[in-house]
Amino acid sequence: MQSIAIGGITIESPVFLAPMSGVSDLPFRRMVKKHGAGLVFSEMIASRPMVEECKRGKRAPADYAEEFPIAVQLAGCEPDVMAEAAKINVDRGAAIIDINFGCPVKKVVNNFAGSALMKNEALAIKIMETVVKSVEVPVTVKMRLGWDENNRNPASNTIDRFIEKQSGVDIITTFPFLVGHKEEMSSTLWGFKNTQYRDM
């Protein structure tokens, strides 16, 4: 299979394990890598609780060195806290930081994170810019087509706007769903910095 480059990292296989809360834990990631996945994603990590627990010594960040390359997915709505969480995880071996703008779970959305950021483009862009500046590894984003039928944009247009704002992210993965919709389209779009798109 053809390799794929994300920033300066070459992924030998284009087969990725998506970030799935309650599923993509360490044992599952090890198993999937053993069977040929080129890149695995961590479960979604809430940035503020992780940062606060690390400061209080109640939580030691995971050590990702053995899993290289691994992408660590972060959720949150505070740019500086997201950046601090990104730095902590990069220091522990994360090869890529992935920002979650797609989670529709109520407790996440009620905290203005995940897919709630589909309604606040300015804050989403600020988060991307701040995280990108805080780390030396590639930064990617997971998002959806839009919030609802009244706030729907073609995925490529949304990606173009983010890229035009010079957010600096390397890849934006667009889930072909609106928030709350389980079925929308049959393929996922990947947007690259050079504005070329690839169906996966």
N, C-alpha and C. Protein backbone atom coordinates (compact mmCIF):
# COMPACT_ATOMS: atom_id res chain seq x y z
N MET A 1 0.83 -1.20 0.00
CA MET A 1 0.00 0.00 0.00
C MET A 1 0.87 1.25 0.00
N GLN A 2 0.36 2.31 -0.59
CA GLN A 2 1.10 3.55 -0.71
C GLN A 2 1.21 4.26 0.63
N SER A 3 2.40 4.78 0.91
CA SER A 3 2.59 5.53 2.15
C SER A 3 1.95 6.91 2.03
N ILE A 4 1.79 7.58 3.15
CA ILE A 4 1.21 8.92 3.18
C ILE A 4 2.03 9.78 4.13
N ALA A 5 2.23 11.03 3.77
CA ALA A 5 3.01 11.94 4.61
C ALA A 5 2.10 12.92 5.31
N ILE A 6 2.31 13.09 6.60
CA ILE A 6 1.61 14.10 7.39
C ILE A 6 2.68 14.98 8.01
N GLY A 7 2.76 16.22 7.53
CA GLY A 7 3.87 17.06 7.96
C GLY A 7 5.17 16.39 7.56
N GLY A 8 6.07 16.25 8.49
CA GLY A 8 7.34 15.61 8.19
C GLY A 8 7.37 14.13 8.54
N ILE A 9 6.20 13.55 8.82
CA ILE A 9 6.13 12.16 9.24
C ILE A 9 5.59 11.31 8.10
N THR A 10 6.30 10.25 7.77
CA THR A 10 5.83 9.32 6.74
C THR A 10 5.12 8.16 7.40
N ILE A 11 3.88 7.94 7.01
CA ILE A 11 3.09 6.83 7.52
C ILE A 11 3.16 5.72 6.48
N GLU A 12 3.72 4.59 6.84
CA GLU A 12 4.01 3.54 5.86
C GLU A 12 2.76 2.92 5.26
N SER A 13 1.70 2.84 6.03
CA SER A 13 0.44 2.28 5.52
C SER A 13 -0.65 3.33 5.66
N PRO A 14 -1.51 3.52 4.64
CA PRO A 14 -2.59 4.51 4.73
C PRO A 14 -3.79 4.02 5.52
N VAL A 15 -3.63 2.92 6.25
CA VAL A 15 -4.71 2.39 7.09
C VAL A 15 -4.56 2.98 8.48
N PHE A 16 -5.56 3.74 8.92
CA PHE A 16 -5.51 4.42 10.22
C PHE A 16 -6.57 3.85 11.15
N LEU A 17 -6.23 3.80 12.44
CA LEU A 17 -7.23 3.50 13.46
C LEU A 17 -7.78 4.82 13.97
N ALA A 18 -9.08 5.04 13.80
CA ALA A 18 -9.70 6.29 14.21
C ALA A 18 -9.75 6.41 15.72
N PRO A 19 -9.82 7.64 16.23
CA PRO A 19 -9.99 7.83 17.68
C PRO A 19 -11.41 7.48 18.08
N MET A 20 -11.55 6.53 19.00
CA MET A 20 -12.88 6.10 19.44
C MET A 20 -12.89 5.96 20.95
N SER A 21 -13.66 6.80 21.61
CA SER A 21 -13.74 6.75 23.07
C SER A 21 -14.27 5.39 23.52
N GLY A 22 -13.58 4.79 24.49
CA GLY A 22 -13.99 3.49 24.98
C GLY A 22 -13.55 2.33 24.13
N VAL A 23 -12.85 2.61 23.04
CA VAL A 23 -12.42 1.54 22.13
C VAL A 23 -10.92 1.58 21.89
N SER A 24 -10.40 2.72 21.44
CA SER A 24 -9.00 2.76 21.01
C SER A 24 -8.04 3.01 22.17
N ASP A 25 -8.10 2.10 23.16
CA ASP A 25 -7.16 2.15 24.28
C ASP A 25 -5.87 1.43 23.88
N LEU A 26 -4.91 1.38 24.79
CA LEU A 26 -3.59 0.84 24.45
C LEU A 26 -3.64 -0.60 23.95
N PRO A 27 -4.31 -1.54 24.63
CA PRO A 27 -4.33 -2.92 24.11
C PRO A 27 -4.92 -3.01 22.71
N PHE A 28 -5.99 -2.25 22.45
CA PHE A 28 -6.61 -2.30 21.12
C PHE A 28 -5.68 -1.68 20.08
N ARG A 29 -5.01 -0.59 20.42
CA ARG A 29 -4.08 0.04 19.48
C ARG A 29 -2.94 -0.91 19.15
N ARG A 30 -2.42 -1.61 20.15
CA ARG A 30 -1.34 -2.57 19.89
C ARG A 30 -1.80 -3.66 18.92
N MET A 31 -3.01 -4.15 19.13
CA MET A 31 -3.53 -5.21 18.27
C MET A 31 -3.69 -4.72 16.83
N VAL A 32 -4.24 -3.52 16.68
CA VAL A 32 -4.48 -2.98 15.34
C VAL A 32 -3.15 -2.72 14.62
N LYS A 33 -2.17 -2.20 15.35
CA LYS A 33 -0.85 -1.98 14.74
C LYS A 33 -0.22 -3.29 14.30
N LYS A 34 -0.40 -4.31 15.11
CA LYS A 34 0.15 -5.62 14.78
C LYS A 34 -0.41 -6.14 13.46
N HIS A 35 -1.63 -5.74 13.16
CA HIS A 35 -2.28 -6.21 11.93
C HIS A 35 -2.16 -5.22 10.78
N GLY A 36 -1.26 -4.25 10.90
CA GLY A 36 -0.91 -3.46 9.73
C GLY A 36 -1.32 -2.01 9.68
N ALA A 37 -1.95 -1.48 10.72
CA ALA A 37 -2.31 -0.06 10.70
C ALA A 37 -1.05 0.80 10.72
N GLY A 38 -1.01 1.80 9.86
CA GLY A 38 0.16 2.67 9.80
C GLY A 38 0.15 3.74 10.86
N LEU A 39 -1.04 4.13 11.30
CA LEU A 39 -1.18 5.19 12.30
C LEU A 39 -2.36 4.88 13.19
N VAL A 40 -2.18 5.03 14.48
CA VAL A 40 -3.28 4.84 15.42
C VAL A 40 -3.53 6.15 16.16
N PHE A 41 -4.78 6.37 16.52
CA PHE A 41 -5.18 7.55 17.29
C PHE A 41 -5.58 7.11 18.69
N SER A 42 -5.26 7.94 19.66
CA SER A 42 -5.70 7.68 21.03
C SER A 42 -7.20 7.91 21.14
N GLU A 43 -7.76 7.50 22.26
CA GLU A 43 -9.12 7.93 22.58
C GLU A 43 -9.11 9.45 22.76
N MET A 44 -10.27 10.07 22.62
CA MET A 44 -10.37 11.51 22.84
C MET A 44 -10.01 11.84 24.29
N ILE A 45 -9.16 12.85 24.47
CA ILE A 45 -8.73 13.28 25.80
C ILE A 45 -9.26 14.69 26.04
N ALA A 46 -9.96 14.89 27.16
CA ALA A 46 -10.43 16.22 27.54
C ALA A 46 -9.24 17.02 28.06
N SER A 47 -8.93 18.13 27.43
CA SER A 47 -7.69 18.85 27.71
C SER A 47 -7.61 19.41 29.13
N ARG A 48 -8.63 20.14 29.57
CA ARG A 48 -8.53 20.79 30.88
C ARG A 48 -8.37 19.78 32.01
N PRO A 49 -9.20 18.74 32.13
CA PRO A 49 -9.00 17.77 33.21
C PRO A 49 -7.62 17.13 33.17
N MET A 50 -7.11 16.84 31.96
CA MET A 50 -5.79 16.23 31.86
C MET A 50 -4.71 17.17 32.37
N VAL A 51 -4.77 18.43 31.96
CA VAL A 51 -3.76 19.41 32.39
C VAL A 51 -3.82 19.61 33.90
N GLU A 52 -5.01 19.75 34.44
CA GLU A 52 -5.15 19.99 35.89
C GLU A 52 -4.69 18.79 36.70
N GLU A 53 -5.02 17.58 36.24
CA GLU A 53 -4.60 16.38 36.97
C GLU A 53 -3.09 16.20 36.91
N CYS A 54 -2.49 16.56 35.79
CA CYS A 54 -1.03 16.47 35.69
C CYS A 54 -0.36 17.46 36.63
N LYS A 55 -0.92 18.66 36.73
CA LYS A 55 -0.34 19.68 37.62
C LYS A 55 -0.42 19.26 39.07
N ARG A 56 -1.51 18.59 39.43
CA ARG A 56 -1.70 18.15 40.83
C ARG A 56 -1.01 16.83 41.11
N GLY A 57 -0.40 16.25 40.11
CA GLY A 57 0.28 14.98 40.29
C GLY A 57 -0.65 13.80 40.42
N LYS A 58 -1.91 13.99 40.06
CA LYS A 58 -2.88 12.90 40.17
C LYS A 58 -2.93 12.03 38.92
N ARG A 59 -2.26 12.49 37.89
CA ARG A 59 -2.30 11.74 36.64
C ARG A 59 -0.97 11.89 35.93
N ALA A 60 -0.40 10.76 35.56
CA ALA A 60 0.82 10.78 34.76
C ALA A 60 0.42 10.61 33.30
N PRO A 61 0.88 11.50 32.43
CA PRO A 61 0.54 11.34 31.01
C PRO A 61 1.02 10.00 30.48
N ALA A 62 0.29 9.47 29.54
CA ALA A 62 0.69 8.20 28.93
C ALA A 62 2.04 8.36 28.24
N ASP A 63 2.80 7.28 28.18
CA ASP A 63 4.07 7.27 27.46
C ASP A 63 3.82 6.62 26.11
N TYR A 64 3.93 7.41 25.05
CA TYR A 64 3.57 6.92 23.72
C TYR A 64 4.78 6.48 22.89
N ALA A 65 5.97 6.47 23.50
CA ALA A 65 7.19 6.20 22.74
C ALA A 65 7.12 4.87 21.98
N GLU A 66 6.57 3.84 22.62
CA GLU A 66 6.54 2.52 21.98
C GLU A 66 5.55 2.45 20.83
N GLU A 67 4.66 3.45 20.71
CA GLU A 67 3.60 3.39 19.71
C GLU A 67 3.87 4.27 18.49
N PHE A 68 5.04 4.83 18.39
CA PHE A 68 5.33 5.74 17.28
C PHE A 68 5.08 5.07 15.92
N PRO A 69 4.40 5.77 15.01
CA PRO A 69 3.75 7.07 15.21
C PRO A 69 2.33 6.92 15.77
N ILE A 70 1.98 7.77 16.70
CA ILE A 70 0.63 7.79 17.25
C ILE A 70 0.12 9.23 17.26
N ALA A 71 -1.15 9.39 16.95
CA ALA A 71 -1.80 10.70 17.04
C ALA A 71 -2.63 10.74 18.31
N VAL A 72 -2.47 11.79 19.09
CA VAL A 72 -3.25 11.95 20.31
C VAL A 72 -4.34 12.99 20.04
N GLN A 73 -5.59 12.59 20.29
CA GLN A 73 -6.71 13.50 20.02
C GLN A 73 -7.11 14.26 21.28
N LEU A 74 -7.23 15.57 21.14
CA LEU A 74 -7.59 16.44 22.25
C LEU A 74 -8.91 17.14 21.98
N ALA A 75 -9.69 17.33 23.04
CA ALA A 75 -10.93 18.09 22.96
C ALA A 75 -10.88 19.21 23.99
N GLY A 76 -11.55 20.29 23.70
CA GLY A 76 -11.59 21.43 24.60
C GLY A 76 -12.02 22.67 23.86
N CYS A 77 -12.13 23.78 24.58
CA CYS A 77 -12.55 25.03 23.95
C CYS A 77 -11.68 26.21 24.34
N GLU A 78 -10.61 25.96 25.13
CA GLU A 78 -9.72 27.03 25.58
C GLU A 78 -8.38 26.89 24.85
N PRO A 79 -8.07 27.81 23.96
CA PRO A 79 -6.85 27.68 23.15
C PRO A 79 -5.59 27.42 23.96
N ASP A 80 -5.36 28.18 25.04
CA ASP A 80 -4.12 28.02 25.81
C ASP A 80 -4.07 26.68 26.53
N VAL A 81 -5.20 26.22 27.03
CA VAL A 81 -5.24 24.92 27.70
C VAL A 81 -5.03 23.81 26.69
N MET A 82 -5.63 23.94 25.53
CA MET A 82 -5.42 22.95 24.46
C MET A 82 -3.94 22.89 24.08
N ALA A 83 -3.31 24.06 24.00
CA ALA A 83 -1.89 24.10 23.65
C ALA A 83 -1.04 23.43 24.72
N GLU A 84 -1.36 23.68 25.98
CA GLU A 84 -0.61 23.06 27.08
C GLU A 84 -0.78 21.54 27.05
N ALA A 85 -2.00 21.08 26.81
CA ALA A 85 -2.24 19.64 26.71
C ALA A 85 -1.47 19.04 25.54
N ALA A 86 -1.41 19.78 24.45
CA ALA A 86 -0.66 19.30 23.28
C ALA A 86 0.81 19.13 23.63
N LYS A 87 1.39 20.13 24.31
CA LYS A 87 2.81 20.05 24.67
C LYS A 87 3.09 18.89 25.61
N ILE A 88 2.21 18.66 26.57
CA ILE A 88 2.39 17.54 27.50
C ILE A 88 2.44 16.23 26.73
N ASN A 89 1.53 16.05 25.80
CA ASN A 89 1.47 14.79 25.06
C ASN A 89 2.61 14.63 24.07
N VAL A 90 3.06 15.71 23.47
CA VAL A 90 4.22 15.63 22.58
C VAL A 90 5.46 15.25 23.39
N ASP A 91 5.60 15.82 24.57
CA ASP A 91 6.73 15.47 25.44
C ASP A 91 6.73 13.99 25.80
N ARG A 92 5.56 13.37 25.77
CA ARG A 92 5.45 11.95 26.10
C ARG A 92 5.48 11.05 24.87
N GLY A 93 5.74 11.64 23.69
CA GLY A 93 5.94 10.81 22.51
C GLY A 93 4.89 10.88 21.43
N ALA A 94 3.89 11.74 21.58
CA ALA A 94 2.88 11.86 20.52
C ALA A 94 3.53 12.41 19.26
N ALA A 95 3.30 11.74 18.14
CA ALA A 95 3.89 12.17 16.86
C ALA A 95 3.01 13.19 16.16
N ILE A 96 1.72 13.17 16.47
CA ILE A 96 0.74 14.06 15.84
C ILE A 96 -0.27 14.46 16.90
N ILE A 97 -0.73 15.70 16.86
CA ILE A 97 -1.82 16.15 17.72
C ILE A 97 -3.06 16.33 16.84
N ASP A 98 -4.16 15.72 17.25
CA ASP A 98 -5.42 15.81 16.52
C ASP A 98 -6.42 16.57 17.37
N ILE A 99 -7.07 17.57 16.79
CA ILE A 99 -8.04 18.39 17.51
C ILE A 99 -9.45 17.94 17.15
N ASN A 100 -10.27 17.71 18.16
CA ASN A 100 -11.63 17.22 17.93
C ASN A 100 -12.62 18.38 17.83
N PHE A 101 -13.15 18.57 16.62
CA PHE A 101 -14.26 19.50 16.40
C PHE A 101 -15.50 18.72 15.95
N GLY A 102 -15.52 17.41 16.21
CA GLY A 102 -16.59 16.60 15.64
C GLY A 102 -17.46 15.84 16.62
N CYS A 103 -17.01 15.69 17.88
CA CYS A 103 -17.77 14.87 18.83
C CYS A 103 -19.13 15.50 19.12
N PRO A 104 -20.24 14.73 18.92
CA PRO A 104 -21.58 15.28 19.15
C PRO A 104 -22.15 14.93 20.52
N VAL A 105 -21.37 14.23 21.36
CA VAL A 105 -21.88 13.78 22.65
C VAL A 105 -22.29 14.99 23.49
N LYS A 106 -23.45 14.88 24.13
CA LYS A 106 -24.06 16.03 24.80
C LYS A 106 -23.14 16.67 25.83
N LYS A 107 -22.49 15.87 26.67
CA LYS A 107 -21.66 16.45 27.73
C LYS A 107 -20.45 17.18 27.16
N VAL A 108 -20.00 16.78 25.98
CA VAL A 108 -18.89 17.48 25.32
C VAL A 108 -19.39 18.79 24.72
N VAL A 109 -20.50 18.71 23.99
CA VAL A 109 -21.08 19.90 23.35
C VAL A 109 -21.49 20.94 24.38
N ASN A 110 -22.04 20.47 25.52
CA ASN A 110 -22.47 21.41 26.56
C ASN A 110 -21.31 22.17 27.19
N ASN A 111 -20.11 21.63 27.02
CA ASN A 111 -18.91 22.33 27.49
C ASN A 111 -18.24 23.12 26.36
N PHE A 112 -18.99 23.33 25.28
CA PHE A 112 -18.56 24.15 24.15
C PHE A 112 -17.36 23.56 23.42
N ALA A 113 -17.19 22.24 23.52
CA ALA A 113 -16.10 21.56 22.84
C ALA A 113 -16.67 20.65 21.76
N GLY A 114 -15.79 19.87 21.13
CA GLY A 114 -16.25 18.95 20.09
C GLY A 114 -16.98 19.67 18.98
N SER A 115 -18.13 19.13 18.59
CA SER A 115 -18.85 19.70 17.45
C SER A 115 -19.49 21.04 17.76
N ALA A 116 -19.54 21.45 19.02
CA ALA A 116 -20.04 22.80 19.34
C ALA A 116 -19.21 23.86 18.64
N LEU A 117 -17.94 23.54 18.37
CA LEU A 117 -17.06 24.51 17.72
C LEU A 117 -17.38 24.69 16.25
N MET A 118 -18.25 23.83 15.70
CA MET A 118 -18.72 24.04 14.34
C MET A 118 -19.58 25.30 14.26
N LYS A 119 -20.05 25.78 15.41
CA LYS A 119 -20.86 27.00 15.44
C LYS A 119 -20.04 28.24 15.78
N ASN A 120 -18.74 28.04 16.02
CA ASN A 120 -17.89 29.17 16.41
C ASN A 120 -16.58 29.08 15.63
N GLU A 121 -16.64 29.48 14.38
CA GLU A 121 -15.49 29.35 13.50
C GLU A 121 -14.29 30.15 14.01
N ALA A 122 -14.53 31.33 14.56
CA ALA A 122 -13.42 32.16 15.04
C ALA A 122 -12.66 31.47 16.17
N LEU A 123 -13.39 30.85 17.11
CA LEU A 123 -12.73 30.15 18.21
C LEU A 123 -12.03 28.90 17.70
N ALA A 124 -12.66 28.19 16.76
CA ALA A 124 -12.02 27.00 16.19
C ALA A 124 -10.69 27.36 15.55
N ILE A 125 -10.67 28.44 14.80
CA ILE A 125 -9.43 28.87 14.14
C ILE A 125 -8.39 29.28 15.18
N LYS A 126 -8.82 29.97 16.24
CA LYS A 126 -7.89 30.38 17.30
C LYS A 126 -7.28 29.16 17.98
N ILE A 127 -8.09 28.14 18.23
CA ILE A 127 -7.57 26.91 18.83
C ILE A 127 -6.52 26.28 17.93
N MET A 128 -6.83 26.17 16.63
CA MET A 128 -5.87 25.58 15.70
C MET A 128 -4.57 26.36 15.67
N GLU A 129 -4.66 27.67 15.54
CA GLU A 129 -3.46 28.50 15.48
C GLU A 129 -2.62 28.37 16.74
N THR A 130 -3.25 28.37 17.89
CA THR A 130 -2.53 28.31 19.17
C THR A 130 -1.85 26.97 19.36
N VAL A 131 -2.56 25.90 19.04
CA VAL A 131 -1.97 24.56 19.18
C VAL A 131 -0.82 24.38 18.20
N VAL A 132 -0.99 24.81 16.96
CA VAL A 132 0.07 24.68 15.96
C VAL A 132 1.34 25.39 16.42
N LYS A 133 1.20 26.58 16.98
CA LYS A 133 2.37 27.35 17.42
C LYS A 133 3.04 26.74 18.65
N SER A 134 2.32 25.91 19.38
CA SER A 134 2.84 25.40 20.65
C SER A 134 3.68 24.14 20.50
N VAL A 135 3.58 23.46 19.37
CA VAL A 135 4.28 22.18 19.21
C VAL A 135 5.02 22.13 17.88
N GLU A 136 5.98 21.21 17.81
CA GLU A 136 6.79 21.05 16.60
C GLU A 136 6.35 19.86 15.77
N VAL A 137 5.24 19.25 16.13
CA VAL A 137 4.75 18.09 15.38
C VAL A 137 3.55 18.49 14.54
N PRO A 138 3.16 17.66 13.57
CA PRO A 138 1.97 17.98 12.77
C PRO A 138 0.72 18.06 13.63
N VAL A 139 -0.19 18.93 13.23
CA VAL A 139 -1.48 19.07 13.89
C VAL A 139 -2.58 18.81 12.87
N THR A 140 -3.53 17.97 13.25
CA THR A 140 -4.65 17.64 12.37
C THR A 140 -5.96 17.96 13.09
N VAL A 141 -7.05 17.95 12.33
CA VAL A 141 -8.35 18.31 12.88
C VAL A 141 -9.41 17.34 12.38
N LYS A 142 -10.32 16.97 13.26
CA LYS A 142 -11.51 16.19 12.90
C LYS A 142 -12.72 17.11 13.03
N MET A 143 -13.55 17.16 11.97
CA MET A 143 -14.73 18.02 12.01
C MET A 143 -15.88 17.35 11.26
N ARG A 144 -17.01 18.03 11.20
CA ARG A 144 -18.18 17.54 10.46
C ARG A 144 -18.59 18.55 9.40
N LEU A 145 -19.61 18.18 8.63
CA LEU A 145 -20.06 19.06 7.55
C LEU A 145 -20.67 20.35 8.07
N GLY A 146 -21.21 20.33 9.25
CA GLY A 146 -21.83 21.51 9.81
C GLY A 146 -22.66 21.14 11.02
N TRP A 147 -23.31 22.15 11.60
CA TRP A 147 -24.10 21.91 12.81
C TRP A 147 -25.47 21.34 12.50
N ASP A 148 -26.20 21.96 11.58
CA ASP A 148 -27.54 21.49 11.23
C ASP A 148 -27.86 21.89 9.80
N GLU A 149 -29.09 21.64 9.37
CA GLU A 149 -29.47 21.92 7.99
C GLU A 149 -29.35 23.40 7.66
N ASN A 150 -29.51 24.26 8.65
CA ASN A 150 -29.41 25.70 8.42
C ASN A 150 -27.97 26.20 8.49
N ASN A 151 -27.07 25.35 8.91
CA ASN A 151 -25.66 25.72 8.99
C ASN A 151 -24.82 24.65 8.32
N ARG A 152 -25.14 24.41 7.06
CA ARG A 152 -24.45 23.38 6.29
C ARG A 152 -23.62 24.06 5.19
N ASN A 153 -22.38 23.62 5.08
CA ASN A 153 -21.52 24.09 4.00
C ASN A 153 -20.86 22.89 3.35
N PRO A 154 -20.60 22.95 2.04
CA PRO A 154 -19.82 21.87 1.43
C PRO A 154 -18.51 21.71 2.18
N ALA A 155 -18.11 20.48 2.41
CA ALA A 155 -16.90 20.25 3.21
C ALA A 155 -15.70 20.98 2.64
N SER A 156 -15.56 20.98 1.32
CA SER A 156 -14.38 21.62 0.72
C SER A 156 -14.37 23.12 1.00
N ASN A 157 -15.55 23.76 1.01
CA ASN A 157 -15.60 25.19 1.30
C ASN A 157 -15.16 25.48 2.73
N THR A 158 -15.63 24.64 3.67
CA THR A 158 -15.25 24.82 5.06
C THR A 158 -13.74 24.64 5.23
N ILE A 159 -13.20 23.61 4.60
CA ILE A 159 -11.76 23.37 4.67
C ILE A 159 -11.00 24.54 4.07
N ASP A 160 -11.47 25.03 2.91
CA ASP A 160 -10.80 26.16 2.27
C ASP A 160 -10.75 27.36 3.20
N ARG A 161 -11.86 27.64 3.90
CA ARG A 161 -11.90 28.81 4.78
C ARG A 161 -10.87 28.66 5.90
N PHE A 162 -10.80 27.47 6.49
CA PHE A 162 -9.83 27.24 7.55
C PHE A 162 -8.40 27.42 7.03
N ILE A 163 -8.14 26.87 5.84
CA ILE A 163 -6.80 26.97 5.28
C ILE A 163 -6.47 28.42 4.95
N GLU A 164 -7.45 29.14 4.41
CA GLU A 164 -7.23 30.54 4.06
C GLU A 164 -6.88 31.37 5.28
N LYS A 165 -7.37 30.96 6.44
CA LYS A 165 -7.09 31.69 7.68
C LYS A 165 -5.68 31.39 8.20
N GLN A 166 -4.93 30.57 7.46
CA GLN A 166 -3.56 30.25 7.84
C GLN A 166 -3.48 29.62 9.23
N SER A 167 -4.40 28.72 9.49
CA SER A 167 -4.40 28.07 10.80
C SER A 167 -3.19 27.17 10.98
N GLY A 168 -2.61 26.70 9.88
CA GLY A 168 -1.39 25.93 9.96
C GLY A 168 -1.55 24.44 10.17
N VAL A 169 -2.79 23.93 10.23
CA VAL A 169 -2.95 22.49 10.42
C VAL A 169 -2.54 21.76 9.15
N ASP A 170 -2.13 20.50 9.32
CA ASP A 170 -1.65 19.71 8.19
C ASP A 170 -2.76 18.99 7.44
N ILE A 171 -3.72 18.47 8.17
CA ILE A 171 -4.83 17.74 7.53
C ILE A 171 -6.10 18.03 8.31
N ILE A 172 -7.20 18.18 7.59
CA ILE A 172 -8.51 18.26 8.22
C ILE A 172 -9.33 17.08 7.71
N THR A 173 -9.78 16.23 8.63
CA THR A 173 -10.64 15.11 8.28
C THR A 173 -12.08 15.54 8.46
N THR A 174 -12.87 15.44 7.40
CA THR A 174 -14.27 15.83 7.48
C THR A 174 -15.15 14.59 7.51
N PHE A 175 -15.83 14.38 8.63
CA PHE A 175 -16.83 13.33 8.70
C PHE A 175 -18.05 13.80 7.91
N PRO A 176 -18.56 13.00 6.99
CA PRO A 176 -19.63 13.48 6.11
C PRO A 176 -21.00 13.44 6.78
N PHE A 177 -21.09 14.01 7.97
CA PHE A 177 -22.35 14.06 8.71
C PHE A 177 -22.55 15.45 9.28
N LEU A 178 -23.82 15.81 9.47
CA LEU A 178 -24.14 16.96 10.29
C LEU A 178 -24.18 16.49 11.74
N VAL A 179 -24.05 17.39 12.67
CA VAL A 179 -24.13 17.02 14.08
C VAL A 179 -25.52 16.43 14.35
N GLY A 180 -25.55 15.24 14.93
CA GLY A 180 -26.82 14.59 15.23
C GLY A 180 -27.34 13.71 14.12
N HIS A 181 -26.72 13.77 12.93
CA HIS A 181 -27.13 12.91 11.83
C HIS A 181 -26.21 11.70 11.77
N LYS A 182 -26.79 10.54 11.63
CA LYS A 182 -25.99 9.32 11.58
C LYS A 182 -25.61 8.94 10.16
N GLU A 183 -26.38 9.41 9.18
CA GLU A 183 -26.08 9.07 7.80
C GLU A 183 -26.15 10.33 6.96
N GLU A 184 -25.16 10.53 6.12
CA GLU A 184 -25.17 11.73 5.28
C GLU A 184 -24.61 11.43 3.90
N MET A 185 -23.37 10.96 3.84
CA MET A 185 -22.73 10.66 2.57
C MET A 185 -21.92 9.39 2.73
N SER A 186 -21.32 8.93 1.65
CA SER A 186 -20.67 7.62 1.69
C SER A 186 -19.17 7.69 1.85
N SER A 187 -18.58 8.87 1.80
CA SER A 187 -17.13 8.93 1.86
C SER A 187 -16.67 10.07 2.74
N THR A 188 -15.42 10.00 3.15
CA THR A 188 -14.82 11.03 3.98
C THR A 188 -13.82 11.82 3.15
N LEU A 189 -13.81 13.12 3.30
CA LEU A 189 -12.87 13.97 2.59
C LEU A 189 -11.69 14.31 3.48
N TRP A 190 -10.52 14.29 2.89
CA TRP A 190 -9.33 14.74 3.60
C TRP A 190 -8.86 16.01 2.91
N GLY A 191 -8.68 17.08 3.65
CA GLY A 191 -8.19 18.32 3.06
C GLY A 191 -6.73 18.53 3.42
N PHE A 192 -5.93 18.80 2.42
CA PHE A 192 -4.52 19.04 2.64
C PHE A 192 -4.21 20.52 2.47
N LYS A 193 -3.05 20.94 2.93
CA LYS A 193 -2.68 22.36 2.86
C LYS A 193 -2.68 22.90 1.44
N ASN A 194 -2.37 22.03 0.47
CA ASN A 194 -2.32 22.51 -0.91
C ASN A 194 -3.70 22.50 -1.56
N THR A 195 -4.73 22.34 -0.75
CA THR A 195 -6.15 22.37 -1.15
C THR A 195 -6.52 21.25 -2.12
N GLN A 196 -5.74 20.19 -2.16
CA GLN A 196 -6.15 19.00 -2.88
C GLN A 196 -6.90 18.11 -1.91
N TYR A 197 -7.88 17.36 -2.41
CA TYR A 197 -8.72 16.55 -1.55
C TYR A 197 -8.65 15.10 -1.98
N ARG A 198 -8.77 14.23 -1.03
CA ARG A 198 -8.66 12.81 -1.31
C ARG A 198 -9.81 12.07 -0.66
N ASP A 199 -10.52 11.24 -1.45
CA ASP A 199 -11.54 10.37 -0.88
C ASP A 199 -10.87 9.18 -0.24
N MET A 200 -11.30 8.83 0.97
CA MET A 200 -10.70 7.70 1.67
C MET A 200 -11.75 6.60 1.80
